[in-house]
Amino acid sequence: MRSARLISGDRPAVVLVAHGSRDPRAAAATEALARAVRLAHPEWLTYAAYLDHAGPRPLDVLASVPSRRAVLVPLLLTEAYHGRVDLPAVLEAAAGLPVKVTLAGVLGPRPEAAGRDVSPLLIDALIRRLPAAGLDGVVLAAAGTRDPDARKTVDAVAAALSERLSLPCAVAYASAALPTAGDAVDLLRTSGARRVGVSAYFLAPGFLYDLAVRSAREAGARTVAEPLGAAPELVRLIAARVGPGARPRTAAA
C-alpha cells in the first residue's frame, strides 16, 4: 500500500508577523499563538516575527528558514500602514533570498470588500472572549488608526458582531480616532443599554489595550474581554489565510 509522506527538507515555513510592542505580554501572546499553530499544523515550520520593538524581524527569519517556500501571515486586524507599506517592503527585500515568499492577507476584512468578507471565525473568536449572556450592548474596542478605509473594516466587524449577538454594537478606539471606549459605553447607555460589555479587537495585551480597558471601566462597563490571543478560531483563521501557499509537496511511500 502506498502512502503520502513529506519530501525531506521541504516543509514550508509560515512566518507569523506581529506589530511588536515594548510590553512583554504582547510577545508572550504572540509566541503562544505560534505554539498553537505549530500544534495544529506540524506539517509547517512556524515562526513568530515582529515589525517593531521585539525581535526577530521578518527578514531575519526568512533568511534563516531551511525551506524553499514561506508564507508571511500578518498578525494584524486592519490593513493600515503596516499591512499596506511595511509588509510589502519585507516581501520586496526578500526577493534576493533562496526562498519563495508569498504574503497572506491580514486577519480582518479587506477594505475593498466593504465588509463582505468578515470571517465568521473572527466573530467566533470575539464571542469566545466575551460571552454575551446578560448584556444589552457591546463596544468593539480597537487599537485605532488614522486610515479611514481601515476604520471602515472595524465598522464592518462591529456590524457582523452586532448581527450575531442581536445586540447594538458601537466602535471605539484607544488612539488615533474617536470615540474612546468610555465614550462608546456612554453612548450605548444613553440609548438605553444598562449592561454594556466590551469586546477586545486586539490580538495581544499592551498599552493601548490597557488604555481601552481603563476607559471602559471608568464609564461603567460591566465586563471587558481579554485579547484574542491563541483562540482556536484564530488558529483556524490563520490556516485559511495561509491557504495553499504552504501546502507541502508529498511523495508516495
C-alpha atoms as a PDB file:
ATOM      1  CA  MET A   1       0.000   0.000   0.000  1.00  0.00           C
ATOM      2  CA  ARG A   2       1.341   3.428  -0.932  1.00  0.00           C
ATOM      3  CA  SER A   3       1.021   6.398   1.412  1.00  0.00           C
ATOM      4  CA  ALA A   4       1.995  10.051   1.191  1.00  0.00           C
ATOM      5  CA  ARG A   5       4.996  11.368   3.071  1.00  0.00           C
ATOM      6  CA  LEU A   6       6.584  14.800   3.182  1.00  0.00           C
ATOM      7  CA  ILE A   7       9.572  15.282   0.913  1.00  0.00           C
ATOM      8  CA  SER A   8      12.597  15.637   3.165  1.00  0.00           C
ATOM      9  CA  GLY A   9      13.662  19.251   3.697  1.00  0.00           C
ATOM     10  CA  ASP A  10      10.554  20.677   2.021  1.00  0.00           C
ATOM     11  CA  ARG A  11       8.385  21.628   4.965  1.00  0.00           C
ATOM     12  CA  PRO A  12       7.057  25.094   4.136  1.00  0.00           C
ATOM     13  CA  ALA A  13       7.699  27.978   6.514  1.00  0.00           C
ATOM     14  CA  VAL A  14       4.845  30.037   7.945  1.00  0.00           C
ATOM     15  CA  VAL A  15       6.022  33.311   9.493  1.00  0.00           C
ATOM     16  CA  LEU A  16       3.511  34.994  11.776  1.00  0.00           C
ATOM     17  CA  VAL A  17       4.322  38.709  11.705  1.00  0.00           C
ATOM     18  CA  ALA A  18       3.112  40.756  14.669  1.00  0.00           C
ATOM     19  CA  HIS A  19       3.285  44.516  15.159  1.00  0.00           C
ATOM     20  CA  GLY A  20       5.609  44.237  18.162  1.00  0.00           C
ATOM     21  CA  SER A  21       5.461  46.025  21.491  1.00  0.00           C
ATOM     22  CA  ARG A  22       7.651  47.089  24.378  1.00  0.00           C
ATOM     23  CA  ASP A  23       5.178  45.277  26.643  1.00  0.00           C
ATOM     24  CA  PRO A  24       6.456  41.712  27.222  1.00  0.00           C
ATOM     25  CA  ARG A  25       2.879  40.441  27.453  1.00  0.00           C
ATOM     26  CA  ALA A  26       2.440  41.119  23.738  1.00  0.00           C
ATOM     27  CA  ALA A  27       5.363  38.920  22.695  1.00  0.00           C
ATOM     28  CA  ALA A  28       4.212  36.213  25.106  1.00  0.00           C
ATOM     29  CA  ALA A  29       0.757  36.227  23.499  1.00  0.00           C
ATOM     30  CA  THR A  30       2.279  36.049  20.010  1.00  0.00           C
ATOM     31  CA  GLU A  31       4.508  33.134  20.986  1.00  0.00           C
ATOM     32  CA  ALA A  32       1.510  31.337  22.499  1.00  0.00           C
ATOM     33  CA  LEU A  33      -0.362  31.761  19.217  1.00  0.00           C
ATOM     34  CA  ALA A  34       2.652  30.473  17.281  1.00  0.00           C
ATOM     35  CA  ARG A  35       2.767  27.390  19.530  1.00  0.00           C
ATOM     36  CA  ALA A  36      -0.933  26.762  18.915  1.00  0.00           C
ATOM     37  CA  VAL A  37      -0.388  26.978  15.154  1.00  0.00           C
ATOM     38  CA  ARG A  38       2.583  24.575  15.369  1.00  0.00           C
ATOM     39  CA  LEU A  39       0.450  22.103  17.304  1.00  0.00           C
ATOM     40  CA  ALA A  40      -2.407  22.320  14.805  1.00  0.00           C
ATOM     41  CA  HIS A  41      -0.111  22.207  11.738  1.00  0.00           C
ATOM     42  CA  PRO A  42       3.024  20.146  12.345  1.00  0.00           C
ATOM     43  CA  GLU A  43       3.497  19.982   8.565  1.00  0.00           C
ATOM     44  CA  TRP A  44       4.645  23.634   8.685  1.00  0.00           C
ATOM     45  CA  LEU A  45       7.718  25.252  10.169  1.00  0.00           C
ATOM     46  CA  THR A  46       6.037  28.060  12.109  1.00  0.00           C
ATOM     47  CA  TYR A  47       7.901  31.122  13.348  1.00  0.00           C
ATOM     48  CA  ALA A  48       6.965  34.380  15.050  1.00  0.00           C
ATOM     49  CA  ALA A  49       8.456  37.690  13.900  1.00  0.00           C
ATOM     50  CA  TYR A  50       7.919  41.348  14.766  1.00  0.00           C
ATOM     51  CA  LEU A  51       7.858  44.578  12.797  1.00  0.00           C
ATOM     52  CA  ASP A  52       8.891  46.775  15.713  1.00  0.00           C
ATOM     53  CA  HIS A  53      10.281  46.753  19.265  1.00  0.00           C
ATOM     54  CA  ALA A  54      10.675  42.984  19.719  1.00  0.00           C
ATOM     55  CA  GLY A  55      12.692  40.560  17.614  1.00  0.00           C
ATOM     56  CA  PRO A  56      13.358  38.732  15.419  1.00  0.00           C
ATOM     57  CA  ARG A  57      12.456  40.768  12.349  1.00  0.00           C
ATOM     58  CA  PRO A  58      10.639  39.038   9.457  1.00  0.00           C
ATOM     59  CA  LEU A  59      13.539  39.352   7.009  1.00  0.00           C
ATOM     60  CA  ASP A  60      15.941  37.787   9.519  1.00  0.00           C
ATOM     61  CA  VAL A  61      13.590  34.833   9.946  1.00  0.00           C
ATOM     62  CA  LEU A  62      13.176  34.407   6.183  1.00  0.00           C
ATOM     63  CA  ALA A  63      16.955  34.473   5.717  1.00  0.00           C
ATOM     64  CA  SER A  64      17.361  31.580   8.133  1.00  0.00           C
ATOM     65  CA  VAL A  65      14.479  29.230   7.290  1.00  0.00           C
ATOM     66  CA  PRO A  66      15.502  25.813   5.903  1.00  0.00           C
ATOM     67  CA  SER A  67      12.571  25.903   3.466  1.00  0.00           C
ATOM     68  CA  ARG A  68      12.079  26.582  -0.224  1.00  0.00           C
ATOM     69  CA  ARG A  69       8.742  28.294   0.337  1.00  0.00           C
ATOM     70  CA  ALA A  70       7.433  30.637   3.018  1.00  0.00           C
ATOM     71  CA  VAL A  71       4.203  32.484   3.721  1.00  0.00           C
ATOM     72  CA  LEU A  72       4.141  35.720   5.698  1.00  0.00           C
ATOM     73  CA  VAL A  73       0.931  35.926   7.721  1.00  0.00           C
ATOM     74  CA  PRO A  74       0.263  39.416   9.130  1.00  0.00           C
ATOM     75  CA  LEU A  75      -0.978  39.225  12.704  1.00  0.00           C
ATOM     76  CA  LEU A  76      -2.886  42.425  12.014  1.00  0.00           C
ATOM     77  CA  LEU A  77      -6.609  43.097  12.207  1.00  0.00           C
ATOM     78  CA  THR A  78      -6.665  46.008   9.768  1.00  0.00           C
ATOM     79  CA  GLU A  79      -4.839  46.723   6.528  1.00  0.00           C
ATOM     80  CA  ALA A  80      -3.444  50.066   7.673  1.00  0.00           C
ATOM     81  CA  TYR A  81       0.157  51.300   7.338  1.00  0.00           C
ATOM     82  CA  HIS A  82       1.868  48.092   8.425  1.00  0.00           C
ATOM     83  CA  GLY A  83      -0.235  45.984   6.094  1.00  0.00           C
ATOM     84  CA  ARG A  84      -0.024  48.361   3.129  1.00  0.00           C
ATOM     85  CA  VAL A  85       3.606  49.502   3.422  1.00  0.00           C
ATOM     86  CA  ASP A  86       5.785  47.580   5.877  1.00  0.00           C
ATOM     87  CA  LEU A  87       4.928  44.039   4.856  1.00  0.00           C
ATOM     88  CA  PRO A  88       5.105  44.607   1.087  1.00  0.00           C
ATOM     89  CA  ALA A  89       8.544  46.150   1.760  1.00  0.00           C
ATOM     90  CA  VAL A  90       9.599  42.946   3.536  1.00  0.00           C
ATOM     91  CA  LEU A  91       8.349  40.935   0.572  1.00  0.00           C
ATOM     92  CA  GLU A  92      10.358  43.093  -1.820  1.00  0.00           C
ATOM     93  CA  ALA A  93      13.503  42.834   0.304  1.00  0.00           C
ATOM     94  CA  ALA A  94      13.144  39.049   0.426  1.00  0.00           C
ATOM     95  CA  ALA A  95      13.299  38.766  -3.367  1.00  0.00           C
ATOM     96  CA  GLY A  96      17.014  38.001  -3.253  1.00  0.00           C
ATOM     97  CA  LEU A  97      16.688  35.160  -0.738  1.00  0.00           C
ATOM     98  CA  PRO A  98      16.716  31.471  -1.759  1.00  0.00           C
ATOM     99  CA  VAL A  99      13.119  31.054  -0.578  1.00  0.00           C
ATOM    100  CA  LYS A 100       9.922  31.807  -2.462  1.00  0.00           C
ATOM    101  CA  VAL A 101       7.887  34.137  -0.231  1.00  0.00           C
ATOM    102  CA  THR A 102       4.194  34.951  -0.503  1.00  0.00           C
ATOM    103  CA  LEU A 103       2.204  37.419   1.586  1.00  0.00           C
ATOM    104  CA  ALA A 104      -1.144  36.411   3.061  1.00  0.00           C
ATOM    105  CA  GLY A 105      -3.933  38.827   3.896  1.00  0.00           C
ATOM    106  CA  VAL A 106      -4.483  40.421   7.301  1.00  0.00           C
ATOM    107  CA  LEU A 107      -6.817  38.648   9.699  1.00  0.00           C
ATOM    108  CA  GLY A 108      -9.503  41.312   9.465  1.00  0.00           C
ATOM    109  CA  PRO A 109     -11.605  42.097   6.384  1.00  0.00           C
ATOM    110  CA  ARG A 110     -10.198  43.854   3.341  1.00  0.00           C
ATOM    111  CA  PRO A 111     -11.162  47.489   2.761  1.00  0.00           C
ATOM    112  CA  GLU A 112     -12.126  46.851  -0.857  1.00  0.00           C
ATOM    113  CA  ALA A 113     -14.607  44.163   0.170  1.00  0.00           C
ATOM    114  CA  ALA A 114     -16.723  46.726   2.076  1.00  0.00           C
ATOM    115  CA  GLY A 115     -17.356  44.312   4.927  1.00  0.00           C
ATOM    116  CA  ARG A 116     -18.427  41.372   2.788  1.00  0.00           C
ATOM    117  CA  ASP A 117     -15.509  39.179   3.874  1.00  0.00           C
ATOM    118  CA  VAL A 118     -15.671  39.410   7.670  1.00  0.00           C
ATOM    119  CA  SER A 119     -14.659  35.893   8.640  1.00  0.00           C
ATOM    120  CA  PRO A 120     -17.151  34.017  10.840  1.00  0.00           C
ATOM    121  CA  LEU A 121     -14.079  32.621  12.599  1.00  0.00           C
ATOM    122  CA  LEU A 122     -13.082  36.130  13.669  1.00  0.00           C
ATOM    123  CA  ILE A 123     -16.554  36.763  15.071  1.00  0.00           C
ATOM    124  CA  ASP A 124     -16.476  33.367  16.807  1.00  0.00           C
ATOM    125  CA  ALA A 125     -13.179  34.296  18.461  1.00  0.00           C
ATOM    126  CA  LEU A 126     -14.566  37.636  19.657  1.00  0.00           C
ATOM    127  CA  ILE A 127     -17.623  35.900  21.109  1.00  0.00           C
ATOM    128  CA  ARG A 128     -15.444  33.281  22.808  1.00  0.00           C
ATOM    129  CA  ARG A 129     -13.617  36.055  24.655  1.00  0.00           C
ATOM    130  CA  LEU A 130     -16.831  37.952  25.522  1.00  0.00           C
ATOM    131  CA  PRO A 131     -19.754  35.724  26.456  1.00  0.00           C
ATOM    132  CA  ALA A 132     -22.718  37.991  25.865  1.00  0.00           C
ATOM    133  CA  ALA A 133     -25.211  36.486  28.316  1.00  0.00           C
ATOM    134  CA  GLY A 134     -26.869  39.248  30.306  1.00  0.00           C
ATOM    135  CA  LEU A 135     -25.534  42.086  28.151  1.00  0.00           C
ATOM    136  CA  ASP A 136     -27.742  44.552  26.292  1.00  0.00           C
ATOM    137  CA  GLY A 137     -24.989  46.426  24.456  1.00  0.00           C
ATOM    138  CA  VAL A 138     -21.427  45.799  23.236  1.00  0.00           C
ATOM    139  CA  VAL A 139     -18.488  48.062  22.438  1.00  0.00           C
ATOM    140  CA  LEU A 140     -15.934  46.770  19.937  1.00  0.00           C
ATOM    141  CA  ALA A 141     -12.710  48.394  21.157  1.00  0.00           C
ATOM    142  CA  ALA A 142      -9.812  48.565  18.679  1.00  0.00           C
ATOM    143  CA  ALA A 143      -6.298  49.997  18.837  1.00  0.00           C
ATOM    144  CA  GLY A 144      -7.064  52.808  16.389  1.00  0.00           C
ATOM    145  CA  THR A 145      -5.801  54.113  13.069  1.00  0.00           C
ATOM    146  CA  ARG A 146      -5.916  57.340  11.070  1.00  0.00           C
ATOM    147  CA  ASP A 147      -6.666  55.343   7.912  1.00  0.00           C
ATOM    148  CA  PRO A 148     -10.385  55.840   7.118  1.00  0.00           C
ATOM    149  CA  ASP A 149     -10.526  52.687   4.982  1.00  0.00           C
ATOM    150  CA  ALA A 150      -9.109  50.632   7.832  1.00  0.00           C
ATOM    151  CA  ARG A 151     -11.686  52.116  10.204  1.00  0.00           C
ATOM    152  CA  LYS A 152     -14.440  51.066   7.784  1.00  0.00           C
ATOM    153  CA  THR A 153     -13.330  47.458   8.231  1.00  0.00           C
ATOM    154  CA  VAL A 154     -13.640  47.815  12.018  1.00  0.00           C
ATOM    155  CA  ASP A 155     -17.171  49.133  11.428  1.00  0.00           C
ATOM    156  CA  ALA A 156     -17.858  46.033   9.333  1.00  0.00           C
ATOM    157  CA  VAL A 157     -16.674  43.722  12.130  1.00  0.00           C
ATOM    158  CA  ALA A 158     -18.841  45.601  14.628  1.00  0.00           C
ATOM    159  CA  ALA A 159     -21.852  45.208  12.326  1.00  0.00           C
ATOM    160  CA  ALA A 160     -21.205  41.466  11.980  1.00  0.00           C
ATOM    161  CA  LEU A 161     -20.776  41.095  15.748  1.00  0.00           C
ATOM    162  CA  SER A 162     -23.994  43.035  16.340  1.00  0.00           C
ATOM    163  CA  GLU A 163     -25.881  40.781  13.957  1.00  0.00           C
ATOM    164  CA  ARG A 164     -24.556  37.599  15.552  1.00  0.00           C
ATOM    165  CA  LEU A 165     -25.339  38.749  19.097  1.00  0.00           C
ATOM    166  CA  SER A 166     -28.579  40.570  18.230  1.00  0.00           C
ATOM    167  CA  LEU A 167     -27.262  43.485  20.291  1.00  0.00           C
ATOM    168  CA  PRO A 168     -26.293  47.062  19.452  1.00  0.00           C
ATOM    169  CA  CYS A 169     -22.535  47.331  18.953  1.00  0.00           C
ATOM    170  CA  ALA A 170     -20.576  50.596  18.980  1.00  0.00           C
ATOM    171  CA  VAL A 171     -16.984  51.001  17.793  1.00  0.00           C
ATOM    172  CA  ALA A 172     -14.297  52.601  19.969  1.00  0.00           C
ATOM    173  CA  TYR A 173     -10.575  53.319  19.609  1.00  0.00           C
ATOM    174  CA  ALA A 174      -7.702  53.558  22.066  1.00  0.00           C
ATOM    175  CA  SER A 175      -5.739  56.007  19.885  1.00  0.00           C
ATOM    176  CA  ALA A 176      -5.730  57.975  16.612  1.00  0.00           C
ATOM    177  CA  ALA A 177      -9.523  58.149  16.330  1.00  0.00           C
ATOM    178  CA  LEU A 178     -12.677  58.695  18.361  1.00  0.00           C
ATOM    179  CA  PRO A 179     -14.745  57.726  20.235  1.00  0.00           C
ATOM    180  CA  THR A 180     -12.872  56.294  23.200  1.00  0.00           C
ATOM    181  CA  ALA A 181     -14.109  53.108  24.813  1.00  0.00           C
ATOM    182  CA  GLY A 182     -15.598  55.129  27.660  1.00  0.00           C
ATOM    183  CA  ASP A 183     -17.416  57.435  25.263  1.00  0.00           C
ATOM    184  CA  ALA A 184     -18.824  54.448  23.392  1.00  0.00           C
ATOM    185  CA  VAL A 185     -20.054  52.918  26.656  1.00  0.00           C
ATOM    186  CA  ASP A 186     -21.730  56.234  27.494  1.00  0.00           C
ATOM    187  CA  LEU A 187     -23.302  56.351  24.021  1.00  0.00           C
ATOM    188  CA  LEU A 188     -24.873  52.924  24.442  1.00  0.00           C
ATOM    189  CA  ARG A 189     -26.060  53.740  27.950  1.00  0.00           C
ATOM    190  CA  THR A 190     -27.644  56.970  26.688  1.00  0.00           C
ATOM    191  CA  SER A 191     -29.527  54.937  24.083  1.00  0.00           C
ATOM    192  CA  GLY A 192     -30.957  52.652  26.769  1.00  0.00           C
ATOM    193  CA  ALA A 193     -28.373  49.913  27.361  1.00  0.00           C
ATOM    194  CA  ARG A 194     -27.614  49.236  31.022  1.00  0.00           C
ATOM    195  CA  ARG A 195     -25.365  46.174  30.874  1.00  0.00           C
ATOM    196  CA  VAL A 196     -22.574  47.002  28.414  1.00  0.00           C
ATOM    197  CA  GLY A 197     -19.674  44.686  27.664  1.00  0.00           C
ATOM    198  CA  VAL A 198     -16.503  45.484  25.753  1.00  0.00           C
ATOM    199  CA  SER A 199     -15.223  43.140  23.057  1.00  0.00           C
ATOM    200  CA  ALA A 200     -11.465  43.493  22.562  1.00  0.00           C
ATOM    201  CA  TYR A 201     -10.462  43.808  18.903  1.00  0.00           C
ATOM    202  CA  PHE A 202      -6.860  43.219  19.942  1.00  0.00           C
ATOM    203  CA  LEU A 203      -4.614  40.249  19.304  1.00  0.00           C
ATOM    204  CA  ALA A 204      -2.457  40.788  22.388  1.00  0.00           C
ATOM    205  CA  PRO A 205      -2.364  42.898  25.553  1.00  0.00           C
ATOM    206  CA  GLY A 206      -0.316  46.085  25.712  1.00  0.00           C
ATOM    207  CA  PHE A 207      -0.506  49.806  26.388  1.00  0.00           C
ATOM    208  CA  LEU A 208      -3.418  50.531  24.041  1.00  0.00           C
ATOM    209  CA  TYR A 209      -5.439  47.560  25.271  1.00  0.00           C
ATOM    210  CA  ASP A 210      -4.918  48.703  28.861  1.00  0.00           C
ATOM    211  CA  LEU A 211      -5.985  52.216  27.875  1.00  0.00           C
ATOM    212  CA  ALA A 212      -9.232  50.907  26.369  1.00  0.00           C
ATOM    213  CA  VAL A 213      -9.908  48.750  29.433  1.00  0.00           C
ATOM    214  CA  ARG A 214      -9.398  51.651  31.830  1.00  0.00           C
ATOM    215  CA  SER A 215     -11.590  53.997  29.790  1.00  0.00           C
ATOM    216  CA  ALA A 216     -14.401  51.437  29.543  1.00  0.00           C
ATOM    217  CA  ARG A 217     -14.347  50.505  33.206  1.00  0.00           C
ATOM    218  CA  GLU A 218     -14.373  54.157  34.303  1.00  0.00           C
ATOM    219  CA  ALA A 219     -17.541  54.598  32.225  1.00  0.00           C
ATOM    220  CA  GLY A 220     -19.216  51.644  33.942  1.00  0.00           C
ATOM    221  CA  ALA A 221     -18.670  48.754  31.518  1.00  0.00           C
ATOM    222  CA  ARG A 222     -19.889  45.535  33.110  1.00  0.00           C
ATOM    223  CA  THR A 223     -17.150  43.372  31.603  1.00  0.00           C
ATOM    224  CA  VAL A 224     -14.160  43.763  29.292  1.00  0.00           C
ATOM    225  CA  ALA A 225     -12.916  40.841  27.211  1.00  0.00           C
ATOM    226  CA  GLU A 226      -9.344  39.617  27.030  1.00  0.00           C
ATOM    227  CA  PRO A 227      -7.495  39.984  23.690  1.00  0.00           C
ATOM    228  CA  LEU A 228      -7.982  37.252  21.098  1.00  0.00           C
ATOM    229  CA  GLY A 229      -4.613  35.651  21.874  1.00  0.00           C
ATOM    230  CA  ALA A 230      -4.385  31.979  20.920  1.00  0.00           C
ATOM    231  CA  ALA A 231      -8.124  31.416  20.461  1.00  0.00           C
ATOM    232  CA  PRO A 232      -8.627  28.221  18.432  1.00  0.00           C
ATOM    233  CA  GLU A 233     -10.756  30.108  15.911  1.00  0.00           C
ATOM    234  CA  LEU A 234      -7.789  32.404  15.298  1.00  0.00           C
ATOM    235  CA  VAL A 235      -5.586  29.384  14.580  1.00  0.00           C
ATOM    236  CA  ARG A 236      -8.130  28.226  12.014  1.00  0.00           C
ATOM    237  CA  LEU A 237      -8.329  31.719  10.519  1.00  0.00           C
ATOM    238  CA  ILE A 238      -4.537  31.789  10.113  1.00  0.00           C
ATOM    239  CA  ALA A 239      -4.720  28.459   8.305  1.00  0.00           C
ATOM    240  CA  ALA A 240      -7.373  29.894   5.997  1.00  0.00           C
ATOM    241  CA  ARG A 241      -5.164  32.900   5.254  1.00  0.00           C
ATOM    242  CA  VAL A 242      -2.189  30.643   4.540  1.00  0.00           C
ATOM    243  CA  GLY A 243      -4.279  28.616   2.086  1.00  0.00           C
ATOM    244  CA  PRO A 244      -2.428  26.520  -0.488  1.00  0.00           C
ATOM    245  CA  GLY A 245       0.708  28.691  -0.299  1.00  0.00           C
ATOM    246  CA  ALA A 246       2.197  26.462   2.401  1.00  0.00           C
ATOM    247  CA  ARG A 247       0.825  23.137   1.265  1.00  0.00           C
ATOM    248  CA  PRO A 248       3.795  20.773   1.480  1.00  0.00           C
ATOM    249  CA  ARG A 249       4.734  18.650  -1.502  1.00  0.00           C
ATOM    250  CA  THR A 250       4.430  14.922  -0.878  1.00  0.00           C
ATOM    251  CA  ALA A 251       5.954  11.776  -2.289  1.00  0.00           C
ATOM    252  CA  ALA A 252       4.488   8.297  -2.448  1.00  0.00           C
ATOM    253  CA  ALA A 253       5.976   5.859   0.076  1.00  0.00           C
END
